[in-house]
Each structure stands twice: as C-alpha cells, then as structure tokens.
Amino acid sequence: MSSTIINLIVQVIAGAIGGTAIGQTVKNLTAGPLGNIIIGAIGGGVGGQILSALIPALQASAATPDIGSIVGQAVGGGAAGAILTAIVGAVKNNMGK
C-alpha cells in the first residue's frame, strides 16, 4: 500500500477516536454518538493531512516500522478529529437555543 493511504487510514481512525472521546467527555460539545464518529473521522483525515503538510516532522510515513511516525500521525489525526467534533457540536447545540 501507498504510504499516503496508510497515513490517511491511521489519521481517520485516530480522528474517530478523538471525536468520540471529546463527545463523551464534554456533553455540550457532542453531535450524537454516530455524529461524533463521522465528524471525528473527517476531521482526522483532513486535519491530519494538513498537519503533515505544515509540519515536516509529521511527513514521515506510518508505513515504516518507526513507532514515532505512527504515533505522530495518530496524535495529529486524533487532535484534529476532536477539534472539529467540538466545533460542530458547539455550533449544533447553540443553534437549538
């Protein structure tokens, strides 16, 4: 598999986990259980790719056996997924008021 695809898979999975975690932790930032997963996965994939382009240290491929590159891709995707989920959840919950 291409290293870009492997990086994207790691970022999407980490984003879904990050979105779920923020939704369960901060109840007023949730978009619902399925919404948290989907929004987190999208945020992880897109945000992880943006972070990889901006930060040279994250450009290493998760396809290599280097644990540091895998962790870097996972942290970037997880953080981006959590951030996008929090933004969408806050907007969704404030529109209902």
N, C-alpha and C. Protein backbone atom coordinates (compact mmCIF):
# COMPACT_ATOMS: atom_id res chain seq x y z
N MET A 1 0.82 -1.18 0.00
CA MET A 1 0.00 0.00 0.00
C MET A 1 0.87 1.25 0.00
N SER A 2 0.30 2.30 -0.54
CA SER A 2 1.00 3.56 -0.57
C SER A 2 1.10 4.14 0.84
N SER A 3 2.20 4.81 1.10
CA SER A 3 2.40 5.38 2.43
C SER A 3 1.37 6.47 2.74
N THR A 4 0.91 7.17 1.71
CA THR A 4 -0.11 8.21 1.92
C THR A 4 -1.43 7.59 2.37
N ILE A 5 -1.78 6.46 1.80
CA ILE A 5 -3.03 5.77 2.17
C ILE A 5 -2.93 5.27 3.60
N ILE A 6 -1.79 4.71 3.97
CA ILE A 6 -1.62 4.20 5.33
C ILE A 6 -1.69 5.35 6.34
N ASN A 7 -1.04 6.47 6.03
CA ASN A 7 -1.12 7.65 6.89
C ASN A 7 -2.57 8.10 7.05
N LEU A 8 -3.31 8.14 5.95
CA LEU A 8 -4.70 8.58 5.98
C LEU A 8 -5.56 7.63 6.82
N ILE A 9 -5.34 6.34 6.69
CA ILE A 9 -6.10 5.37 7.48
C ILE A 9 -5.84 5.57 8.97
N VAL A 10 -4.58 5.74 9.34
CA VAL A 10 -4.23 5.97 10.75
C VAL A 10 -4.89 7.26 11.24
N GLN A 11 -4.85 8.31 10.44
CA GLN A 11 -5.43 9.59 10.84
C GLN A 11 -6.95 9.52 10.98
N VAL A 12 -7.62 8.83 10.07
CA VAL A 12 -9.07 8.71 10.12
C VAL A 12 -9.51 7.92 11.36
N ILE A 13 -8.83 6.82 11.64
CA ILE A 13 -9.18 6.02 12.82
C ILE A 13 -8.92 6.82 14.09
N ALA A 14 -7.78 7.50 14.16
CA ALA A 14 -7.48 8.32 15.33
C ALA A 14 -8.46 9.48 15.46
N GLY A 15 -8.88 10.06 14.35
CA GLY A 15 -9.87 11.14 14.38
C GLY A 15 -11.21 10.67 14.91
N ALA A 16 -11.63 9.47 14.50
CA ALA A 16 -12.88 8.91 15.01
C ALA A 16 -12.80 8.67 16.51
N ILE A 17 -11.66 8.21 16.98
CA ILE A 17 -11.47 8.01 18.42
C ILE A 17 -11.46 9.34 19.15
N GLY A 18 -10.77 10.33 18.58
CA GLY A 18 -10.73 11.66 19.20
C GLY A 18 -12.10 12.31 19.24
N GLY A 19 -12.88 12.16 18.17
CA GLY A 19 -14.23 12.72 18.14
C GLY A 19 -15.14 12.06 19.17
N THR A 20 -15.02 10.75 19.30
CA THR A 20 -15.81 10.03 20.29
C THR A 20 -15.41 10.44 21.70
N ALA A 21 -14.12 10.58 21.93
CA ALA A 21 -13.64 10.94 23.26
C ALA A 21 -14.12 12.33 23.68
N ILE A 22 -14.03 13.30 22.79
CA ILE A 22 -14.48 14.65 23.16
C ILE A 22 -15.99 14.69 23.34
N GLY A 23 -16.72 13.93 22.54
CA GLY A 23 -18.17 13.90 22.68
C GLY A 23 -18.63 13.28 23.98
N GLN A 24 -17.90 12.27 24.46
CA GLN A 24 -18.26 11.63 25.73
C GLN A 24 -17.77 12.43 26.92
N THR A 25 -16.71 13.17 26.75
CA THR A 25 -16.12 13.92 27.86
C THR A 25 -16.86 15.23 28.12
N VAL A 26 -17.13 15.98 27.07
CA VAL A 26 -17.77 17.28 27.20
C VAL A 26 -19.15 17.17 26.55
N LYS A 27 -20.17 17.00 27.35
CA LYS A 27 -21.51 16.70 26.84
C LYS A 27 -22.14 17.84 26.03
N ASN A 28 -21.76 19.08 26.27
CA ASN A 28 -22.35 20.17 25.49
C ASN A 28 -21.64 20.38 24.15
N LEU A 29 -20.64 19.57 23.84
CA LEU A 29 -19.94 19.64 22.55
C LEU A 29 -20.17 18.40 21.70
N THR A 30 -21.21 17.65 22.00
CA THR A 30 -21.44 16.40 21.29
C THR A 30 -22.36 16.61 20.09
N ALA A 31 -22.18 15.81 19.07
CA ALA A 31 -23.04 15.82 17.90
C ALA A 31 -23.81 14.51 17.82
N GLY A 32 -23.88 13.79 18.92
CA GLY A 32 -24.50 12.47 18.96
C GLY A 32 -23.45 11.41 18.72
N PRO A 33 -23.72 10.18 19.16
CA PRO A 33 -22.68 9.13 19.06
C PRO A 33 -22.18 8.89 17.63
N LEU A 34 -23.09 8.73 16.69
CA LEU A 34 -22.67 8.48 15.31
C LEU A 34 -22.07 9.73 14.69
N GLY A 35 -22.63 10.89 15.01
CA GLY A 35 -22.10 12.16 14.50
C GLY A 35 -20.68 12.40 14.97
N ASN A 36 -20.39 12.07 16.24
CA ASN A 36 -19.03 12.24 16.77
C ASN A 36 -18.04 11.40 15.98
N ILE A 37 -18.42 10.17 15.67
CA ILE A 37 -17.52 9.27 14.94
C ILE A 37 -17.27 9.79 13.53
N ILE A 38 -18.34 10.15 12.84
CA ILE A 38 -18.21 10.59 11.44
C ILE A 38 -17.45 11.91 11.35
N ILE A 39 -17.84 12.88 12.18
CA ILE A 39 -17.16 14.18 12.14
C ILE A 39 -15.70 14.04 12.57
N GLY A 40 -15.46 13.21 13.59
CA GLY A 40 -14.08 12.98 14.03
C GLY A 40 -13.23 12.34 12.94
N ALA A 41 -13.80 11.38 12.21
CA ALA A 41 -13.06 10.73 11.14
C ALA A 41 -12.73 11.71 10.02
N ILE A 42 -13.69 12.55 9.67
CA ILE A 42 -13.45 13.56 8.63
C ILE A 42 -12.38 14.55 9.11
N GLY A 43 -12.53 15.02 10.34
CA GLY A 43 -11.54 15.95 10.89
C GLY A 43 -10.16 15.33 10.99
N GLY A 44 -10.11 14.06 11.38
CA GLY A 44 -8.82 13.38 11.48
C GLY A 44 -8.13 13.25 10.14
N GLY A 45 -8.90 12.88 9.12
CA GLY A 45 -8.32 12.73 7.79
C GLY A 45 -7.86 14.04 7.19
N VAL A 46 -8.73 15.03 7.21
CA VAL A 46 -8.40 16.33 6.60
C VAL A 46 -7.35 17.06 7.45
N GLY A 47 -7.60 17.15 8.75
CA GLY A 47 -6.67 17.85 9.63
C GLY A 47 -5.31 17.18 9.70
N GLY A 48 -5.31 15.86 9.69
CA GLY A 48 -4.04 15.14 9.71
C GLY A 48 -3.21 15.39 8.46
N GLN A 49 -3.88 15.46 7.32
CA GLN A 49 -3.17 15.76 6.07
C GLN A 49 -2.63 17.18 6.07
N ILE A 50 -3.41 18.11 6.59
CA ILE A 50 -2.94 19.50 6.67
C ILE A 50 -1.74 19.60 7.60
N LEU A 51 -1.84 18.96 8.76
CA LEU A 51 -0.71 18.99 9.70
C LEU A 51 0.53 18.35 9.10
N SER A 52 0.36 17.27 8.36
CA SER A 52 1.51 16.61 7.72
C SER A 52 2.17 17.53 6.70
N ALA A 53 1.36 18.33 6.03
CA ALA A 53 1.92 19.26 5.04
C ALA A 53 2.63 20.44 5.71
N LEU A 54 2.15 20.84 6.88
CA LEU A 54 2.71 22.02 7.54
C LEU A 54 3.90 21.71 8.44
N ILE A 55 3.92 20.53 9.02
CA ILE A 55 4.96 20.18 9.98
C ILE A 55 5.85 19.09 9.37
N PRO A 56 7.07 19.41 9.01
CA PRO A 56 7.94 18.44 8.34
C PRO A 56 8.18 17.16 9.14
N ALA A 57 8.17 17.26 10.45
CA ALA A 57 8.41 16.06 11.26
C ALA A 57 7.29 15.04 11.12
N LEU A 58 6.10 15.48 10.75
CA LEU A 58 4.98 14.55 10.59
C LEU A 58 4.89 13.95 9.19
N GLN A 59 5.79 14.33 8.30
CA GLN A 59 5.74 13.82 6.94
C GLN A 59 6.26 12.39 6.83
N ALA A 60 6.85 11.90 7.88
CA ALA A 60 7.32 10.51 7.85
C ALA A 60 6.11 9.59 7.73
N SER A 61 6.31 8.51 7.05
CA SER A 61 5.20 7.61 6.76
C SER A 61 4.92 6.67 7.92
N ALA A 62 3.64 6.40 8.14
CA ALA A 62 3.24 5.41 9.14
C ALA A 62 3.47 3.99 8.61
N ALA A 63 3.82 3.87 7.32
CA ALA A 63 4.07 2.55 6.73
C ALA A 63 5.42 1.99 7.17
N THR A 64 6.29 2.83 7.67
CA THR A 64 7.59 2.36 8.15
C THR A 64 7.42 1.74 9.53
N PRO A 65 8.35 0.90 9.93
CA PRO A 65 8.21 0.29 11.26
C PRO A 65 8.58 1.24 12.40
N ASP A 66 8.77 2.52 12.09
CA ASP A 66 9.12 3.50 13.10
C ASP A 66 7.88 3.87 13.91
N ILE A 67 7.89 3.58 15.20
CA ILE A 67 6.74 3.84 16.06
C ILE A 67 6.48 5.34 16.20
N GLY A 68 7.52 6.15 16.12
CA GLY A 68 7.36 7.60 16.24
C GLY A 68 6.50 8.18 15.14
N SER A 69 6.67 7.71 13.92
CA SER A 69 5.87 8.23 12.81
C SER A 69 4.41 7.80 12.93
N ILE A 70 4.18 6.59 13.40
CA ILE A 70 2.81 6.12 13.60
C ILE A 70 2.13 6.93 14.69
N VAL A 71 2.83 7.16 15.79
CA VAL A 71 2.27 7.95 16.90
C VAL A 71 2.01 9.38 16.45
N GLY A 72 2.92 9.95 15.68
CA GLY A 72 2.75 11.31 15.18
C GLY A 72 1.51 11.45 14.31
N GLN A 73 1.29 10.49 13.42
CA GLN A 73 0.10 10.51 12.57
C GLN A 73 -1.16 10.34 13.41
N ALA A 74 -1.11 9.46 14.40
CA ALA A 74 -2.28 9.21 15.26
C ALA A 74 -2.62 10.42 16.12
N VAL A 75 -1.61 11.05 16.68
CA VAL A 75 -1.85 12.24 17.52
C VAL A 75 -2.41 13.38 16.68
N GLY A 76 -1.84 13.61 15.52
CA GLY A 76 -2.34 14.67 14.64
C GLY A 76 -3.78 14.43 14.21
N GLY A 77 -4.08 13.20 13.81
CA GLY A 77 -5.44 12.88 13.40
C GLY A 77 -6.42 12.92 14.56
N GLY A 78 -6.01 12.43 15.72
CA GLY A 78 -6.89 12.44 16.89
C GLY A 78 -7.21 13.84 17.36
N ALA A 79 -6.21 14.69 17.39
CA ALA A 79 -6.42 16.08 17.81
C ALA A 79 -7.32 16.81 16.82
N ALA A 80 -7.07 16.63 15.54
CA ALA A 80 -7.88 17.31 14.53
C ALA A 80 -9.33 16.81 14.57
N GLY A 81 -9.51 15.51 14.78
CA GLY A 81 -10.87 14.97 14.89
C GLY A 81 -11.60 15.50 16.10
N ALA A 82 -10.91 15.59 17.22
CA ALA A 82 -11.53 16.12 18.44
C ALA A 82 -11.89 17.59 18.28
N ILE A 83 -11.01 18.36 17.66
CA ILE A 83 -11.27 19.79 17.47
C ILE A 83 -12.47 20.02 16.56
N LEU A 84 -12.53 19.32 15.43
CA LEU A 84 -13.66 19.51 14.52
C LEU A 84 -14.96 19.06 15.16
N THR A 85 -14.93 17.95 15.91
CA THR A 85 -16.14 17.49 16.59
C THR A 85 -16.61 18.51 17.62
N ALA A 86 -15.68 19.10 18.36
CA ALA A 86 -16.05 20.11 19.35
C ALA A 86 -16.66 21.33 18.68
N ILE A 87 -16.10 21.76 17.56
CA ILE A 87 -16.64 22.93 16.85
C ILE A 87 -18.04 22.65 16.33
N VAL A 88 -18.21 21.52 15.66
CA VAL A 88 -19.52 21.18 15.10
C VAL A 88 -20.54 20.95 16.21
N GLY A 89 -20.13 20.28 17.29
CA GLY A 89 -21.04 20.05 18.40
C GLY A 89 -21.48 21.34 19.06
N ALA A 90 -20.56 22.28 19.24
CA ALA A 90 -20.90 23.57 19.85
C ALA A 90 -21.86 24.35 18.96
N VAL A 91 -21.60 24.36 17.66
CA VAL A 91 -22.49 25.07 16.73
C VAL A 91 -23.87 24.41 16.72
N LYS A 92 -23.91 23.09 16.67
CA LYS A 92 -25.18 22.36 16.64
C LYS A 92 -25.98 22.61 17.90
N ASN A 93 -25.34 22.57 19.05
CA ASN A 93 -26.06 22.74 20.30
C ASN A 93 -26.47 24.20 20.55
N ASN A 94 -25.73 25.15 20.02
CA ASN A 94 -26.09 26.56 20.19
C ASN A 94 -27.16 27.02 19.21
N MET A 95 -27.32 26.31 18.10
CA MET A 95 -28.37 26.66 17.14
C MET A 95 -29.74 26.28 17.66
N GLY A 96 -29.81 25.31 18.55
CA GLY A 96 -31.09 24.87 19.09
C GLY A 96 -31.61 25.77 20.19
N LYS A 97 -30.84 26.74 20.63
CA LYS A 97 -31.24 27.59 21.75
C LYS A 97 -31.91 28.85 21.27
